[in-house]
Full PDB file with SEQRES, HELIX, SHEET, SSBOND, CRYST1, ORIGX, SCALE, CONECT and MASTER records, all heavy atoms in Angstrom:
SEQRES   1 A   45  LYS GLN ILE GLN LEU GLY ALA ALA GLU GLU ASN ILE SER          
SEQRES   2 A   45  GLY ASP GLY THR ASP ILE THR PHE ALA VAL GLY SER GLY          
SEQRES   3 A   45  GLY ASP ILE ASN LEU PRO SER ASN ILE GLY LEU THR PHE          
SEQRES   4 A   45  GLY ASP ASP GLY GLU LYS                                      
SHEET    1 AA1 3 GLN A   2  GLN A   4  0                                        
SHEET    2 AA1 3 ASN A  11  GLY A  14 -1                                        
SHEET    3 AA1 3 ILE A  19  ALA A  22 -1                                        
CRYST1    1.000    1.000    1.000  90.00  90.00  90.00 P 1           1          
ORIGX1      1.000000  0.000000  0.000000        0.00000                         
ORIGX2      0.000000  1.000000  0.000000        0.00000                         
ORIGX3      0.000000  0.000000  1.000000        0.00000                         
SCALE1      1.000000  0.000000  0.000000        0.00000                         
SCALE2      0.000000  1.000000  0.000000        0.00000                         
SCALE3      0.000000  0.000000  1.000000        0.00000                         
ATOM      1  N   LYS A   1       0.823  -1.211   0.010  1.00  0.00           N  
ATOM      2  CA  LYS A   1       0.019  -0.028   0.021  1.00  0.00           C  
ATOM      3  C   LYS A   1       0.876   1.215   0.031  1.00  0.00           C  
ATOM      4  O   LYS A   1       2.088   1.174   0.270  1.00  0.00           O  
ATOM      5  CB  LYS A   1      -0.994   0.045   1.234  1.00  0.00           C  
ATOM      6  CG  LYS A   1      -1.842  -1.207   1.308  1.00  0.00           C  
ATOM      7  CD  LYS A   1      -2.782  -1.246   0.124  1.00  0.00           C  
ATOM      8  CE  LYS A   1      -3.718  -2.444   0.203  1.00  0.00           C  
ATOM      9  NZ  LYS A   1      -4.603  -2.597  -0.895  1.00  0.00           N  
ATOM     10  N   GLN A   2       0.316   2.455  -0.284  1.00  0.00           N  
ATOM     11  CA  GLN A   2       1.063   3.664  -0.445  1.00  0.00           C  
ATOM     12  C   GLN A   2       0.554   4.764   0.515  1.00  0.00           C  
ATOM     13  O   GLN A   2      -0.675   4.793   0.822  1.00  0.00           O  
ATOM     14  CB  GLN A   2       0.995   4.194  -1.874  1.00  0.00           C  
ATOM     15  CG  GLN A   2       1.448   3.294  -2.890  1.00  0.00           C  
ATOM     16  CD  GLN A   2       1.179   3.859  -4.300  1.00  0.00           C  
ATOM     17  OE1 GLN A   2       0.487   4.832  -4.429  1.00  0.00           O  
ATOM     18  NE2 GLN A   2       1.797   3.260  -5.279  1.00  0.00           N  
ATOM     19  N   ILE A   3       1.437   5.605   0.925  1.00  0.00           N  
ATOM     20  CA  ILE A   3       1.130   6.936   1.465  1.00  0.00           C  
ATOM     21  C   ILE A   3       1.281   7.885   0.353  1.00  0.00           C  
ATOM     22  O   ILE A   3       2.382   8.032  -0.192  1.00  0.00           O  
ATOM     23  CB  ILE A   3       1.983   7.314   2.677  1.00  0.00           C  
ATOM     24  CG1 ILE A   3       1.826   6.282   3.760  1.00  0.00           C  
ATOM     25  CG2 ILE A   3       1.658   8.715   3.153  1.00  0.00           C  
ATOM     26  CD1 ILE A   3       2.822   6.506   4.945  1.00  0.00           C  
ATOM     27  N   GLN A   4       0.207   8.488  -0.122  1.00  0.00           N  
ATOM     28  CA  GLN A   4       0.269   9.404  -1.255  1.00  0.00           C  
ATOM     29  C   GLN A   4       0.378  10.850  -0.794  1.00  0.00           C  
ATOM     30  O   GLN A   4      -0.256  11.270   0.110  1.00  0.00           O  
ATOM     31  CB  GLN A   4      -0.965   9.260  -2.172  1.00  0.00           C  
ATOM     32  CG  GLN A   4      -1.037   7.899  -2.765  1.00  0.00           C  
ATOM     33  CD  GLN A   4      -2.200   7.688  -3.720  1.00  0.00           C  
ATOM     34  OE1 GLN A   4      -3.148   8.485  -3.712  1.00  0.00           O  
ATOM     35  NE2 GLN A   4      -2.164   6.650  -4.490  1.00  0.00           N  
ATOM     36  N   LEU A   5       1.332  11.542  -1.413  1.00  0.00           N  
ATOM     37  CA  LEU A   5       1.631  12.958  -1.168  1.00  0.00           C  
ATOM     38  C   LEU A   5       1.327  13.741  -2.371  1.00  0.00           C  
ATOM     39  O   LEU A   5       2.013  13.567  -3.417  1.00  0.00           O  
ATOM     40  CB  LEU A   5       3.074  13.131  -0.721  1.00  0.00           C  
ATOM     41  CG  LEU A   5       3.519  12.187   0.429  1.00  0.00           C  
ATOM     42  CD1 LEU A   5       4.996  12.181   0.521  1.00  0.00           C  
ATOM     43  CD2 LEU A   5       2.887  12.563   1.742  1.00  0.00           C  
ATOM     44  N   GLY A   6       0.480  14.759  -2.322  1.00  0.00           N  
ATOM     45  CA  GLY A   6       0.181  15.593  -3.490  1.00  0.00           C  
ATOM     46  C   GLY A   6      -0.469  14.730  -4.553  1.00  0.00           C  
ATOM     47  O   GLY A   6      -1.471  14.108  -4.327  1.00  0.00           O  
ATOM     48  N   ALA A   7       0.133  14.705  -5.709  1.00  0.00           N  
ATOM     49  CA  ALA A   7      -0.359  13.935  -6.790  1.00  0.00           C  
ATOM     50  C   ALA A   7      -0.147  12.415  -6.515  1.00  0.00           C  
ATOM     51  O   ALA A   7       0.733  12.031  -5.715  1.00  0.00           O  
ATOM     52  CB  ALA A   7       0.336  14.325  -8.129  1.00  0.00           C  
ATOM     53  N   ALA A   8      -0.897  11.582  -7.091  1.00  0.00           N  
ATOM     54  CA  ALA A   8      -0.827  10.083  -6.848  1.00  0.00           C  
ATOM     55  C   ALA A   8       0.541   9.496  -7.178  1.00  0.00           C  
ATOM     56  O   ALA A   8       0.958   8.535  -6.557  1.00  0.00           O  
ATOM     57  CB  ALA A   8      -1.892   9.391  -7.615  1.00  0.00           C  
ATOM     58  N   GLU A   9       1.303  10.174  -8.084  1.00  0.00           N  
ATOM     59  CA  GLU A   9       2.663   9.630  -8.434  1.00  0.00           C  
ATOM     60  C   GLU A   9       3.685   9.895  -7.369  1.00  0.00           C  
ATOM     61  O   GLU A   9       4.775   9.396  -7.409  1.00  0.00           O  
ATOM     62  CB  GLU A   9       3.076   9.994  -9.852  1.00  0.00           C  
ATOM     63  CG  GLU A   9       3.366  11.501  -9.936  1.00  0.00           C  
ATOM     64  CD  GLU A   9       2.155  12.309 -10.470  1.00  0.00           C  
ATOM     65  OE1 GLU A   9       1.018  11.752 -10.542  1.00  0.00           O  
ATOM     66  OE2 GLU A   9       2.313  13.482 -10.673  1.00  0.00           O  
ATOM     67  N   GLU A  10       3.369  10.766  -6.399  1.00  0.00           N  
ATOM     68  CA  GLU A  10       4.224  11.094  -5.313  1.00  0.00           C  
ATOM     69  C   GLU A  10       3.825  10.252  -4.099  1.00  0.00           C  
ATOM     70  O   GLU A  10       2.839  10.476  -3.470  1.00  0.00           O  
ATOM     71  CB  GLU A  10       4.254  12.561  -4.979  1.00  0.00           C  
ATOM     72  CG  GLU A  10       4.698  13.447  -6.084  1.00  0.00           C  
ATOM     73  CD  GLU A  10       4.404  14.875  -5.907  1.00  0.00           C  
ATOM     74  OE1 GLU A  10       3.533  15.227  -5.093  1.00  0.00           O  
ATOM     75  OE2 GLU A  10       4.995  15.704  -6.623  1.00  0.00           O  
ATOM     76  N   ASN A  11       4.632   9.256  -3.767  1.00  0.00           N  
ATOM     77  CA  ASN A  11       4.224   8.312  -2.687  1.00  0.00           C  
ATOM     78  C   ASN A  11       5.406   7.651  -2.002  1.00  0.00           C  
ATOM     79  O   ASN A  11       6.507   7.664  -2.529  1.00  0.00           O  
ATOM     80  CB  ASN A  11       3.214   7.294  -3.221  1.00  0.00           C  
ATOM     81  CG  ASN A  11       3.832   6.405  -4.302  1.00  0.00           C  
ATOM     82  OD1 ASN A  11       4.719   5.576  -3.919  1.00  0.00           O  
ATOM     83  ND2 ASN A  11       3.527   6.558  -5.486  1.00  0.00           N  
ATOM     84  N   ILE A  12       5.108   7.109  -0.863  1.00  0.00           N  
ATOM     85  CA  ILE A  12       6.046   6.290  -0.081  1.00  0.00           C  
ATOM     86  C   ILE A  12       5.358   4.896   0.088  1.00  0.00           C  
ATOM     87  O   ILE A  12       4.190   4.852   0.423  1.00  0.00           O  
ATOM     88  CB  ILE A  12       6.290   6.913   1.322  1.00  0.00           C  
ATOM     89  CG1 ILE A  12       6.882   8.320   1.163  1.00  0.00           C  
ATOM     90  CG2 ILE A  12       7.248   6.004   2.110  1.00  0.00           C  
ATOM     91  CD1 ILE A  12       6.970   9.086   2.511  1.00  0.00           C  
ATOM     92  N   SER A  13       6.115   3.894  -0.155  1.00  0.00           N  
ATOM     93  CA  SER A  13       5.574   2.529  -0.071  1.00  0.00           C  
ATOM     94  C   SER A  13       6.642   1.569   0.425  1.00  0.00           C  
ATOM     95  O   SER A  13       7.818   1.877   0.393  1.00  0.00           O  
ATOM     96  CB  SER A  13       4.965   2.057  -1.372  1.00  0.00           C  
ATOM     97  OG  SER A  13       5.962   1.948  -2.315  1.00  0.00           O  
ATOM     98  N   GLY A  14       6.225   0.364   0.952  1.00  0.00           N  
ATOM     99  CA  GLY A  14       7.228  -0.541   1.371  1.00  0.00           C  
ATOM    100  C   GLY A  14       6.654  -1.944   1.098  1.00  0.00           C  
ATOM    101  O   GLY A  14       5.434  -2.141   1.007  1.00  0.00           O  
ATOM    102  N   ASP A  15       7.579  -2.921   1.012  1.00  0.00           N  
ATOM    103  CA  ASP A  15       7.112  -4.298   0.680  1.00  0.00           C  
ATOM    104  C   ASP A  15       7.603  -5.295   1.768  1.00  0.00           C  
ATOM    105  O   ASP A  15       7.631  -6.477   1.579  1.00  0.00           O  
ATOM    106  CB  ASP A  15       7.584  -4.729  -0.648  1.00  0.00           C  
ATOM    107  CG  ASP A  15       9.128  -4.791  -0.810  1.00  0.00           C  
ATOM    108  OD1 ASP A  15       9.803  -4.574   0.173  1.00  0.00           O  
ATOM    109  OD2 ASP A  15       9.576  -5.022  -1.948  1.00  0.00           O  
ATOM    110  N   GLY A  16       8.067  -4.736   2.870  1.00  0.00           N  
ATOM    111  CA  GLY A  16       8.588  -5.613   3.960  1.00  0.00           C  
ATOM    112  C   GLY A  16      10.083  -5.717   3.915  1.00  0.00           C  
ATOM    113  O   GLY A  16      10.761  -6.218   4.873  1.00  0.00           O  
ATOM    114  N   THR A  17      10.697  -5.417   2.794  1.00  0.00           N  
ATOM    115  CA  THR A  17      12.176  -5.414   2.616  1.00  0.00           C  
ATOM    116  C   THR A  17      12.695  -4.095   2.247  1.00  0.00           C  
ATOM    117  O   THR A  17      13.692  -3.663   2.752  1.00  0.00           O  
ATOM    118  CB  THR A  17      12.530  -6.418   1.497  1.00  0.00           C  
ATOM    119  OG1 THR A  17      11.999  -7.753   1.869  1.00  0.00           O  
ATOM    120  CG2 THR A  17      14.084  -6.594   1.374  1.00  0.00           C  
ATOM    121  N   ASP A  18      12.070  -3.425   1.290  1.00  0.00           N  
ATOM    122  CA  ASP A  18      12.583  -2.112   0.761  1.00  0.00           C  
ATOM    123  C   ASP A  18      11.484  -1.033   1.044  1.00  0.00           C  
ATOM    124  O   ASP A  18      10.322  -1.319   1.072  1.00  0.00           O  
ATOM    125  CB  ASP A  18      12.855  -2.204  -0.722  1.00  0.00           C  
ATOM    126  CG  ASP A  18      13.903  -3.225  -1.071  1.00  0.00           C  
ATOM    127  OD1 ASP A  18      14.925  -3.251  -0.369  1.00  0.00           O  
ATOM    128  OD2 ASP A  18      13.693  -4.021  -2.081  1.00  0.00           O  
ATOM    129  N   ILE A  19      11.993   0.217   1.108  1.00  0.00           N  
ATOM    130  CA  ILE A  19      11.110   1.411   1.195  1.00  0.00           C  
ATOM    131  C   ILE A  19      11.347   2.161  -0.127  1.00  0.00           C  
ATOM    132  O   ILE A  19      12.514   2.423  -0.508  1.00  0.00           O  
ATOM    133  CB  ILE A  19      11.432   2.335   2.379  1.00  0.00           C  
ATOM    134  CG1 ILE A  19      11.179   1.538   3.720  1.00  0.00           C  
ATOM    135  CG2 ILE A  19      10.652   3.595   2.345  1.00  0.00           C  
ATOM    136  CD1 ILE A  19      11.579   2.317   4.916  1.00  0.00           C  
ATOM    137  N   THR A  20      10.269   2.488  -0.839  1.00  0.00           N  
ATOM    138  CA  THR A  20      10.356   3.250  -2.070  1.00  0.00           C  
ATOM    139  C   THR A  20       9.814   4.609  -1.868  1.00  0.00           C  
ATOM    140  O   THR A  20       8.668   4.839  -1.373  1.00  0.00           O  
ATOM    141  CB  THR A  20       9.576   2.536  -3.200  1.00  0.00           C  
ATOM    142  OG1 THR A  20      10.182   1.236  -3.285  1.00  0.00           O  
ATOM    143  CG2 THR A  20       9.657   3.235  -4.489  1.00  0.00           C  
ATOM    144  N   PHE A  21      10.548   5.704  -2.291  1.00  0.00           N  
ATOM    145  CA  PHE A  21      10.075   7.057  -2.374  1.00  0.00           C  
ATOM    146  C   PHE A  21       9.946   7.291  -3.816  1.00  0.00           C  
ATOM    147  O   PHE A  21      10.910   7.318  -4.603  1.00  0.00           O  
ATOM    148  CB  PHE A  21      11.102   7.989  -1.768  1.00  0.00           C  
ATOM    149  CG  PHE A  21      11.389   7.770  -0.304  1.00  0.00           C  
ATOM    150  CD1 PHE A  21      12.292   6.823   0.128  1.00  0.00           C  
ATOM    151  CD2 PHE A  21      10.642   8.490   0.643  1.00  0.00           C  
ATOM    152  CE1 PHE A  21      12.505   6.664   1.474  1.00  0.00           C  
ATOM    153  CE2 PHE A  21      10.901   8.324   2.017  1.00  0.00           C  
ATOM    154  CZ  PHE A  21      11.802   7.398   2.406  1.00  0.00           C  
ATOM    155  N   ALA A  22       8.703   7.581  -4.347  1.00  0.00           N  
ATOM    156  CA  ALA A  22       8.461   7.809  -5.739  1.00  0.00           C  
ATOM    157  C   ALA A  22       8.013   9.226  -5.941  1.00  0.00           C  
ATOM    158  O   ALA A  22       7.221   9.739  -5.155  1.00  0.00           O  
ATOM    159  CB  ALA A  22       7.391   6.847  -6.227  1.00  0.00           C  
ATOM    160  N   VAL A  23       8.447   9.839  -7.002  1.00  0.00           N  
ATOM    161  CA  VAL A  23       8.016  11.147  -7.443  1.00  0.00           C  
ATOM    162  C   VAL A  23       7.640  11.180  -8.831  1.00  0.00           C  
ATOM    163  O   VAL A  23       7.979  10.292  -9.653  1.00  0.00           O  
ATOM    164  CB  VAL A  23       9.177  12.238  -7.187  1.00  0.00           C  
ATOM    165  CG1 VAL A  23       9.485  12.311  -5.702  1.00  0.00           C  
ATOM    166  CG2 VAL A  23      10.378  11.899  -7.943  1.00  0.00           C  
ATOM    167  N   GLY A  24       6.909  12.191  -9.291  1.00  0.00           N  
ATOM    168  CA  GLY A  24       6.488  12.355 -10.671  1.00  0.00           C  
ATOM    169  C   GLY A  24       7.643  12.508 -11.604  1.00  0.00           C  
ATOM    170  O   GLY A  24       8.808  12.723 -11.202  1.00  0.00           O  
ATOM    171  N   SER A  25       7.311  12.470 -12.873  1.00  0.00           N  
ATOM    172  CA  SER A  25       8.362  12.675 -13.919  1.00  0.00           C  
ATOM    173  C   SER A  25       9.131  13.942 -13.710  1.00  0.00           C  
ATOM    174  O   SER A  25       8.614  15.033 -13.566  1.00  0.00           O  
ATOM    175  CB  SER A  25       7.658  12.677 -15.259  1.00  0.00           C  
ATOM    176  OG  SER A  25       8.573  12.866 -16.326  1.00  0.00           O  
ATOM    177  N   GLY A  26      10.430  13.816 -13.736  1.00  0.00           N  
ATOM    178  CA  GLY A  26      11.350  15.026 -13.522  1.00  0.00           C  
ATOM    179  C   GLY A  26      11.411  15.533 -12.117  1.00  0.00           C  
ATOM    180  O   GLY A  26      12.055  16.534 -11.854  1.00  0.00           O  
ATOM    181  N   GLY A  27      10.824  14.800 -11.174  1.00  0.00           N  
ATOM    182  CA  GLY A  27      10.817  15.295  -9.780  1.00  0.00           C  
ATOM    183  C   GLY A  27      12.036  14.879  -9.059  1.00  0.00           C  
ATOM    184  O   GLY A  27      12.868  14.126  -9.557  1.00  0.00           O  
ATOM    185  N   ASP A  28      12.258  15.388  -7.815  1.00  0.00           N  
ATOM    186  CA  ASP A  28      13.432  15.144  -7.044  1.00  0.00           C  
ATOM    187  C   ASP A  28      12.996  14.773  -5.588  1.00  0.00           C  
ATOM    188  O   ASP A  28      11.910  15.144  -5.180  1.00  0.00           O  
ATOM    189  CB  ASP A  28      14.318  16.307  -6.875  1.00  0.00           C  
ATOM    190  CG  ASP A  28      14.960  16.769  -8.203  1.00  0.00           C  
ATOM    191  OD1 ASP A  28      15.454  15.847  -8.945  1.00  0.00           O  
ATOM    192  OD2 ASP A  28      14.946  17.932  -8.507  1.00  0.00           O  
ATOM    193  N   ILE A  29      13.801  14.043  -4.884  1.00  0.00           N  
ATOM    194  CA  ILE A  29      13.620  13.851  -3.466  1.00  0.00           C  
ATOM    195  C   ILE A  29      14.695  14.814  -2.824  1.00  0.00           C  
ATOM    196  O   ILE A  29      15.852  14.650  -3.036  1.00  0.00           O  
ATOM    197  CB  ILE A  29      13.895  12.402  -3.043  1.00  0.00           C  
ATOM    198  CG1 ILE A  29      12.862  11.531  -3.680  1.00  0.00           C  
ATOM    199  CG2 ILE A  29      13.855  12.268  -1.536  1.00  0.00           C  
ATOM    200  CD1 ILE A  29      13.052  10.020  -3.479  1.00  0.00           C  
ATOM    201  N   ASN A  30      14.169  15.794  -2.051  1.00  0.00           N  
ATOM    202  CA  ASN A  30      15.058  16.834  -1.573  1.00  0.00           C  
ATOM    203  C   ASN A  30      15.257  16.694  -0.063  1.00  0.00           C  
ATOM    204  O   ASN A  30      14.349  16.472   0.636  1.00  0.00           O  
ATOM    205  CB  ASN A  30      14.425  18.251  -1.815  1.00  0.00           C  
ATOM    206  CG  ASN A  30      14.281  18.521  -3.266  1.00  0.00           C  
ATOM    207  OD1 ASN A  30      15.252  18.518  -4.041  1.00  0.00           O  
ATOM    208  ND2 ASN A  30      13.066  18.687  -3.774  1.00  0.00           N  
ATOM    209  N   LEU A  31      16.570  16.829   0.292  1.00  0.00           N  
ATOM    210  CA  LEU A  31      16.974  16.966   1.753  1.00  0.00           C  
ATOM    211  C   LEU A  31      17.442  18.380   1.944  1.00  0.00           C  
ATOM    212  O   LEU A  31      18.170  18.956   1.115  1.00  0.00           O  
ATOM    213  CB  LEU A  31      18.052  16.029   2.062  1.00  0.00           C  
ATOM    214  CG  LEU A  31      17.823  14.530   1.875  1.00  0.00           C  
ATOM    215  CD1 LEU A  31      19.072  13.690   2.167  1.00  0.00           C  
ATOM    216  CD2 LEU A  31      16.717  14.060   2.863  1.00  0.00           C  
ATOM    217  N   PRO A  32      17.057  19.055   3.058  1.00  0.00           N  
ATOM    218  CA  PRO A  32      17.502  20.425   3.318  1.00  0.00           C  
ATOM    219  C   PRO A  32      19.058  20.439   3.480  1.00  0.00           C  
ATOM    220  O   PRO A  32      19.707  19.446   3.712  1.00  0.00           O  
ATOM    221  CB  PRO A  32      16.831  20.745   4.605  1.00  0.00           C  
ATOM    222  CG  PRO A  32      15.706  19.804   4.827  1.00  0.00           C  
ATOM    223  CD  PRO A  32      16.136  18.542   4.086  1.00  0.00           C  
ATOM    224  N   SER A  33      19.646  21.640   3.335  1.00  0.00           N  
ATOM    225  CA  SER A  33      21.072  21.769   3.519  1.00  0.00           C  
ATOM    226  C   SER A  33      21.502  21.295   4.931  1.00  0.00           C  
ATOM    227  O   SER A  33      20.712  21.483   5.906  1.00  0.00           O  
ATOM    228  CB  SER A  33      21.577  23.219   3.379  1.00  0.00           C  
ATOM    229  OG  SER A  33      20.894  24.024   2.652  1.00  0.00           O  
ATOM    230  N   ASN A  34      22.670  20.807   4.950  1.00  0.00           N  
ATOM    231  CA  ASN A  34      23.297  20.330   6.204  1.00  0.00           C  
ATOM    232  C   ASN A  34      22.517  19.223   6.938  1.00  0.00           C  
ATOM    233  O   ASN A  34      22.629  19.010   8.123  1.00  0.00           O  
ATOM    234  CB  ASN A  34      23.480  21.547   7.198  1.00  0.00           C  
ATOM    235  CG  ASN A  34      24.432  22.570   6.566  1.00  0.00           C  
ATOM    236  OD1 ASN A  34      25.500  22.217   6.048  1.00  0.00           O  
ATOM    237  ND2 ASN A  34      24.086  23.846   6.577  1.00  0.00           N  
ATOM    238  N   ILE A  35      21.705  18.491   6.206  1.00  0.00           N  
ATOM    239  CA  ILE A  35      21.035  17.309   6.673  1.00  0.00           C  
ATOM    240  C   ILE A  35      21.665  16.141   5.886  1.00  0.00           C  
ATOM    241  O   ILE A  35      21.618  16.085   4.674  1.00  0.00           O  
ATOM    242  CB  ILE A  35      19.520  17.294   6.434  1.00  0.00           C  
ATOM    243  CG1 ILE A  35      18.905  18.514   7.067  1.00  0.00           C  
ATOM    244  CG2 ILE A  35      18.896  16.035   6.842  1.00  0.00           C  
ATOM    245  CD1 ILE A  35      18.958  18.494   8.597  1.00  0.00           C  
ATOM    246  N   GLY A  36      22.296  15.190   6.613  1.00  0.00           N  
ATOM    247  CA  GLY A  36      22.985  14.096   5.913  1.00  0.00           C  
ATOM    248  C   GLY A  36      22.161  12.894   5.738  1.00  0.00           C  
ATOM    249  O   GLY A  36      21.192  12.651   6.452  1.00  0.00           O  
ATOM    250  N   LEU A  37      22.470  12.119   4.732  1.00  0.00           N  
ATOM    251  CA  LEU A  37      21.918  10.767   4.535  1.00  0.00           C  
ATOM    252  C   LEU A  37      22.993   9.801   5.039  1.00  0.00           C  
ATOM    253  O   LEU A  37      24.070   9.678   4.502  1.00  0.00           O  
ATOM    254  CB  LEU A  37      21.711  10.608   3.056  1.00  0.00           C  
ATOM    255  CG  LEU A  37      21.127   9.244   2.606  1.00  0.00           C  
ATOM    256  CD1 LEU A  37      19.769   8.900   3.215  1.00  0.00           C  
ATOM    257  CD2 LEU A  37      21.021   9.176   1.113  1.00  0.00           C  
ATOM    258  N   THR A  38      22.660   9.104   6.137  1.00  0.00           N  
ATOM    259  CA  THR A  38      23.675   8.266   6.795  1.00  0.00           C  
ATOM    260  C   THR A  38      23.389   6.806   6.480  1.00  0.00           C  
ATOM    261  O   THR A  38      22.260   6.412   6.237  1.00  0.00           O  
ATOM    262  CB  THR A  38      23.730   8.442   8.291  1.00  0.00           C  
ATOM    263  OG1 THR A  38      22.469   8.197   8.878  1.00  0.00           O  
ATOM    264  CG2 THR A  38      24.127   9.891   8.653  1.00  0.00           C  
ATOM    265  N   PHE A  39      24.423   6.007   6.545  1.00  0.00           N  
ATOM    266  CA  PHE A  39      24.289   4.561   6.300  1.00  0.00           C  
ATOM    267  C   PHE A  39      24.912   3.841   7.504  1.00  0.00           C  
ATOM    268  O   PHE A  39      26.149   3.913   7.755  1.00  0.00           O  
ATOM    269  CB  PHE A  39      25.148   4.137   5.033  1.00  0.00           C  
ATOM    270  CG  PHE A  39      24.621   4.892   3.824  1.00  0.00           C  
ATOM    271  CD1 PHE A  39      25.158   6.113   3.446  1.00  0.00           C  
ATOM    272  CD2 PHE A  39      23.648   4.311   3.032  1.00  0.00           C  
ATOM    273  CE1 PHE A  39      24.719   6.794   2.316  1.00  0.00           C  
ATOM    274  CE2 PHE A  39      23.166   4.979   1.884  1.00  0.00           C  
ATOM    275  CZ  PHE A  39      23.726   6.206   1.529  1.00  0.00           C  
ATOM    276  N   GLY A  40      24.049   3.236   8.322  1.00  0.00           N  
ATOM    277  CA  GLY A  40      24.519   2.495   9.529  1.00  0.00           C  
ATOM    278  C   GLY A  40      24.787   3.431  10.717  1.00  0.00           C  
ATOM    279  O   GLY A  40      24.151   3.427  11.691  1.00  0.00           O  
ATOM    280  N   ASP A  41      25.811   4.286  10.546  1.00  0.00           N  
ATOM    281  CA  ASP A  41      26.027   5.283  11.621  1.00  0.00           C  
ATOM    282  C   ASP A  41      26.599   6.548  10.979  1.00  0.00           C  
ATOM    283  O   ASP A  41      26.734   6.672   9.748  1.00  0.00           O  
ATOM    284  CB  ASP A  41      27.001   4.747  12.675  1.00  0.00           C  
ATOM    285  CG  ASP A  41      28.362   4.368  12.133  1.00  0.00           C  
ATOM    286  OD1 ASP A  41      28.840   5.024  11.195  1.00  0.00           O  
ATOM    287  OD2 ASP A  41      28.919   3.392  12.627  1.00  0.00           O  
ATOM    288  N   ASP A  42      26.947   7.526  11.769  1.00  0.00           N  
ATOM    289  CA  ASP A  42      27.428   8.815  11.252  1.00  0.00           C  
ATOM    290  C   ASP A  42      28.795   8.705  10.465  1.00  0.00           C  
ATOM    291  O   ASP A  42      29.260   9.619   9.882  1.00  0.00           O  
ATOM    292  CB  ASP A  42      27.608   9.839  12.369  1.00  0.00           C  
ATOM    293  CG  ASP A  42      26.852  11.111  12.054  1.00  0.00           C  
ATOM    294  OD1 ASP A  42      26.029  11.148  11.063  1.00  0.00           O  
ATOM    295  OD2 ASP A  42      27.113  12.110  12.700  1.00  0.00           O  
ATOM    296  N   GLY A  43      29.441   7.520  10.547  1.00  0.00           N  
ATOM    297  CA  GLY A  43      30.682   7.303   9.892  1.00  0.00           C  
ATOM    298  C   GLY A  43      30.569   7.173   8.381  1.00  0.00           C  
ATOM    299  O   GLY A  43      31.561   7.287   7.687  1.00  0.00           O  
ATOM    300  N   GLU A  44      29.371   6.894   7.864  1.00  0.00           N  
ATOM    301  CA  GLU A  44      29.138   6.788   6.441  1.00  0.00           C  
ATOM    302  C   GLU A  44      27.982   7.780   6.131  1.00  0.00           C  
ATOM    303  O   GLU A  44      26.846   7.540   6.522  1.00  0.00           O  
ATOM    304  CB  GLU A  44      28.733   5.344   6.059  1.00  0.00           C  
ATOM    305  CG  GLU A  44      29.889   4.364   6.308  1.00  0.00           C  
ATOM    306  CD  GLU A  44      29.423   2.940   6.050  1.00  0.00           C  
ATOM    307  OE1 GLU A  44      28.226   2.735   5.706  1.00  0.00           O  
ATOM    308  OE2 GLU A  44      30.233   2.096   6.036  1.00  0.00           O  
ATOM    309  N   LYS A  45      28.315   8.859   5.390  1.00  0.00           N  
ATOM    310  CA  LYS A  45      27.320   9.896   5.231  1.00  0.00           C  
ATOM    311  C   LYS A  45      27.517  10.660   3.909  1.00  0.00           C  
ATOM    312  O   LYS A  45      28.658  10.826   3.430  1.00  0.00           O  
ATOM    313  CB  LYS A  45      27.486  10.877   6.346  1.00  0.00           C  
ATOM    314  CG  LYS A  45      26.440  12.012   6.315  1.00  0.00           C  
ATOM    315  CD  LYS A  45      26.703  13.156   7.294  1.00  0.00           C  
ATOM    316  CE  LYS A  45      26.917  12.722   8.668  1.00  0.00           C  
ATOM    317  NZ  LYS A  45      26.894  13.869   9.662  1.00  0.00           N  
TER     318      LYS A  45                                                      
MASTER        0    0    0    0    3    0    0    6  317    1    0    4          
END                                                                             
């Protein structure tokens, strides 16, 4: 199932293994400045 944001093509969904962030054609997933995407801990960012 999906959590829909704005238009139906913007959504968050999961299948028990992966989480998918989907956006419309030409869209982006944006993180604000100075906010990191970390992997495991702050040592991988």
